[in-house]
């Protein structure tokens, strides 16, 4: 998957809003900019904290209205299982099914196209007479870095950070 820069994401979003005749307010654009600077997903409240740097008066409804607009336009995805949001790096294309690969250790979220799965879900929906609007698949496991750390048996002599692993396990994860 190609990762776009924050400037490319913002430019594409503004162009699409003009084409769709919807309003990209400065506040919505700022929320999208903050999200585009993140690696992976971010919660609405963490986003609110970031927004308050430039807009100290911002309240939760401010963020949720912006997130609702960005979701509606397909610029971001909601990661249901972690109650967080992330930028879609290919929203300029046609509607697509995304697979969110969520690391249970470090919390990173990677988006991939769910090619092949789209046809299966579409066929299942059609069989039920169901009109699909949006499809996101979430899968939980370990990213490559965390899988390497978990496979490590030389805790005393390696360069891995095993503290995150013990913190997660200590919380019952």
Protein backbone atom coordinates (compact mmCIF):
# COMPACT_ATOMS: atom_id res chain seq x y z
CA UNK A 1 0.00 0.00 0.00
CA UNK A 2 1.28 3.45 -0.90
CA UNK A 3 1.36 5.86 2.04
CA UNK A 4 0.58 9.45 1.16
CA UNK A 5 2.10 12.48 2.85
CA UNK A 6 -0.08 14.71 5.01
CA UNK A 7 -0.01 17.38 2.29
CA UNK A 8 -1.15 14.90 -0.37
CA UNK A 9 -3.98 13.66 1.85
CA UNK A 10 -5.18 17.19 2.60
CA UNK A 11 -4.95 18.23 -1.06
CA UNK A 12 -6.89 15.20 -2.25
CA UNK A 13 -9.54 15.69 0.44
CA UNK A 14 -10.03 19.35 -0.48
CA UNK A 15 -10.32 18.50 -4.20
CA UNK A 16 -12.86 15.75 -3.51
CA UNK A 17 -14.92 18.05 -1.29
CA UNK A 18 -15.04 20.62 -4.11
CA UNK A 19 -16.08 17.93 -6.59
CA UNK A 20 -18.75 16.63 -4.21
CA UNK A 21 -19.92 20.14 -3.35
CA UNK A 22 -19.44 19.58 0.38
CA UNK A 23 -17.72 22.00 2.73
CA UNK A 24 -14.28 21.20 4.14
CA UNK A 25 -14.21 23.68 7.01
CA UNK A 26 -10.90 24.82 8.48
CA UNK A 27 -11.68 22.79 11.61
CA UNK A 28 -12.39 19.60 9.64
CA UNK A 29 -9.21 20.15 7.66
CA UNK A 30 -7.23 20.61 10.88
CA UNK A 31 -8.62 17.37 12.32
CA UNK A 32 -7.69 15.55 9.11
CA UNK A 33 -4.21 17.16 9.22
CA UNK A 34 -3.69 15.99 12.80
CA UNK A 35 -4.81 12.49 11.86
CA UNK A 36 -2.56 12.43 8.80
CA UNK A 37 0.42 13.11 11.05
CA UNK A 38 -0.31 10.02 13.15
CA UNK A 39 1.08 6.60 12.52
CA UNK A 40 -1.90 4.31 12.73
CA UNK A 41 -5.06 4.97 14.70
CA UNK A 42 -5.87 7.61 17.32
CA UNK A 43 -8.76 7.95 19.76
CA UNK A 44 -11.17 10.88 19.56
CA UNK A 45 -10.02 12.18 22.95
CA UNK A 46 -6.34 12.01 22.01
CA UNK A 47 -7.27 13.89 18.85
CA UNK A 48 -9.15 16.45 20.94
CA UNK A 49 -6.03 17.01 23.05
CA UNK A 50 -4.02 17.66 19.87
CA UNK A 51 -6.69 20.00 18.49
CA UNK A 52 -6.74 22.01 21.72
CA UNK A 53 -3.16 23.13 21.01
CA UNK A 54 -4.49 25.33 18.16
CA UNK A 55 -8.11 25.60 19.37
CA UNK A 56 -8.18 25.68 23.19
CA UNK A 57 -11.99 26.00 23.24
CA UNK A 58 -12.52 22.72 21.35
CA UNK A 59 -14.94 20.31 23.02
CA UNK A 60 -15.78 16.62 22.34
CA UNK A 61 -18.71 17.48 20.02
CA UNK A 62 -16.25 19.47 17.89
CA UNK A 63 -14.15 16.36 17.28
CA UNK A 64 -17.09 14.03 16.80
CA UNK A 65 -18.75 16.32 14.22
CA UNK A 66 -15.48 16.53 12.28
CA UNK A 67 -14.95 12.76 12.53
CA UNK A 68 -18.52 12.09 11.33
CA UNK A 69 -17.94 14.30 8.28
CA UNK A 70 -14.56 12.70 7.50
CA UNK A 71 -16.07 9.21 7.87
CA UNK A 72 -19.01 10.13 5.65
CA UNK A 73 -16.63 11.35 2.96
CA UNK A 74 -14.51 8.19 3.23
CA UNK A 75 -11.35 10.07 4.25
CA UNK A 76 -10.91 8.09 7.46
CA UNK A 77 -11.84 4.72 8.94
CA UNK A 78 -13.18 3.90 12.38
CA UNK A 79 -11.42 1.01 14.06
CA UNK A 80 -14.37 -0.37 16.00
CA UNK A 81 -12.53 -2.72 18.33
CA UNK A 82 -10.18 -0.02 19.63
CA UNK A 83 -12.66 2.87 19.36
CA UNK A 84 -10.16 4.85 17.32
CA UNK A 85 -9.82 6.42 13.89
CA UNK A 86 -7.23 6.44 11.13
CA UNK A 87 -6.69 8.11 7.79
CA UNK A 88 -7.54 6.13 4.68
CA UNK A 89 -4.58 6.35 2.33
CA UNK A 90 -6.59 5.55 -0.79
CA UNK A 91 -9.85 7.41 -0.41
CA UNK A 92 -9.58 8.94 -3.87
CA UNK A 93 -10.39 5.57 -5.42
CA UNK A 94 -13.72 3.78 -5.55
CA UNK A 95 -15.32 2.38 -2.42
CA UNK A 96 -13.28 -0.48 -1.06
CA UNK A 97 -13.21 -3.03 1.71
CA UNK A 98 -10.40 -2.42 4.14
CA UNK A 99 -8.70 -4.94 6.37
CA UNK A 100 -7.40 -3.38 9.58
CA UNK A 101 -4.49 -5.36 10.98
CA UNK A 102 -4.32 -4.46 14.66
CA UNK A 103 -1.29 -5.33 16.78
CA UNK A 104 -2.35 -6.52 20.22
CA UNK A 105 1.03 -5.66 21.70
CA UNK A 106 1.87 -2.14 20.50
CA UNK A 107 -1.52 -1.07 19.18
CA UNK A 108 -0.45 -0.13 15.66
CA UNK A 109 -3.06 -0.44 12.95
CA UNK A 110 -2.21 -1.10 9.32
CA UNK A 111 -4.80 -0.81 6.57
CA UNK A 112 -4.74 -3.13 3.57
CA UNK A 113 -7.16 -3.66 0.70
CA UNK A 114 -9.22 -6.79 1.28
CA UNK A 115 -9.09 -7.86 -2.35
CA UNK A 116 -11.03 -11.03 -3.01
CA UNK A 117 -12.95 -10.70 0.24
CA UNK A 118 -15.02 -7.89 -1.28
CA UNK A 119 -16.64 -10.28 -3.73
CA UNK A 120 -17.42 -12.82 -1.01
CA UNK A 121 -19.04 -10.22 1.27
CA UNK A 122 -20.93 -8.72 -1.66
CA UNK A 123 -22.28 -12.15 -2.65
CA UNK A 124 -23.34 -12.88 0.94
CA UNK A 125 -25.09 -9.53 1.19
CA UNK A 126 -26.80 -9.98 -2.17
CA UNK A 127 -28.03 -13.43 -1.08
CA UNK A 128 -29.76 -11.78 1.89
CA UNK A 129 -31.01 -8.79 -0.09
CA UNK A 130 -28.74 -6.61 2.04
CA UNK A 131 -27.46 -3.30 0.62
CA UNK A 132 -23.86 -2.84 1.70
CA UNK A 133 -22.75 0.69 2.52
CA UNK A 134 -19.37 0.22 4.17
CA UNK A 135 -17.21 -2.78 4.97
CA UNK A 136 -14.21 -2.95 7.29
CA UNK A 137 -12.59 -6.16 8.46
CA UNK A 138 -10.58 -6.11 11.67
CA UNK A 139 -7.94 -8.71 12.45
CA UNK A 140 -5.95 -8.86 15.68
CA UNK A 141 -2.48 -10.30 16.04
CA UNK A 142 1.12 -9.09 16.14
CA UNK A 143 2.93 -6.74 13.78
CA UNK A 144 6.29 -7.97 12.45
CA UNK A 145 8.29 -6.11 15.13
CA UNK A 146 6.18 -7.37 18.00
CA UNK A 147 6.16 -10.94 16.63
CA UNK A 148 9.97 -10.79 16.65
CA UNK A 149 10.01 -9.56 20.26
CA UNK A 150 7.58 -12.26 21.38
CA UNK A 151 9.67 -14.94 19.66
CA UNK A 152 12.84 -13.73 21.38
CA UNK A 153 14.18 -16.04 24.10
CA UNK A 154 17.37 -14.10 24.92
CA UNK A 155 15.79 -11.34 27.03
CA UNK A 156 19.02 -10.52 28.88
CA UNK A 157 21.25 -10.18 25.80
CA UNK A 158 18.96 -8.87 23.06
CA UNK A 159 18.17 -5.34 21.91
CA UNK A 160 14.37 -5.73 22.10
CA UNK A 161 12.13 -3.73 24.38
CA UNK A 162 10.35 -6.43 26.36
CA UNK A 163 8.82 -3.95 28.79
CA UNK A 164 5.82 -3.28 26.56
CA UNK A 165 5.10 -6.99 26.47
CA UNK A 166 5.13 -7.27 30.25
CA UNK A 167 3.01 -4.12 30.61
CA UNK A 168 0.36 -5.53 28.27
CA UNK A 169 0.37 -8.91 29.98
CA UNK A 170 0.18 -7.19 33.36
CA UNK A 171 -3.10 -5.59 32.28
CA UNK A 172 -4.55 -8.89 31.26
CA UNK A 173 -4.10 -8.48 27.52
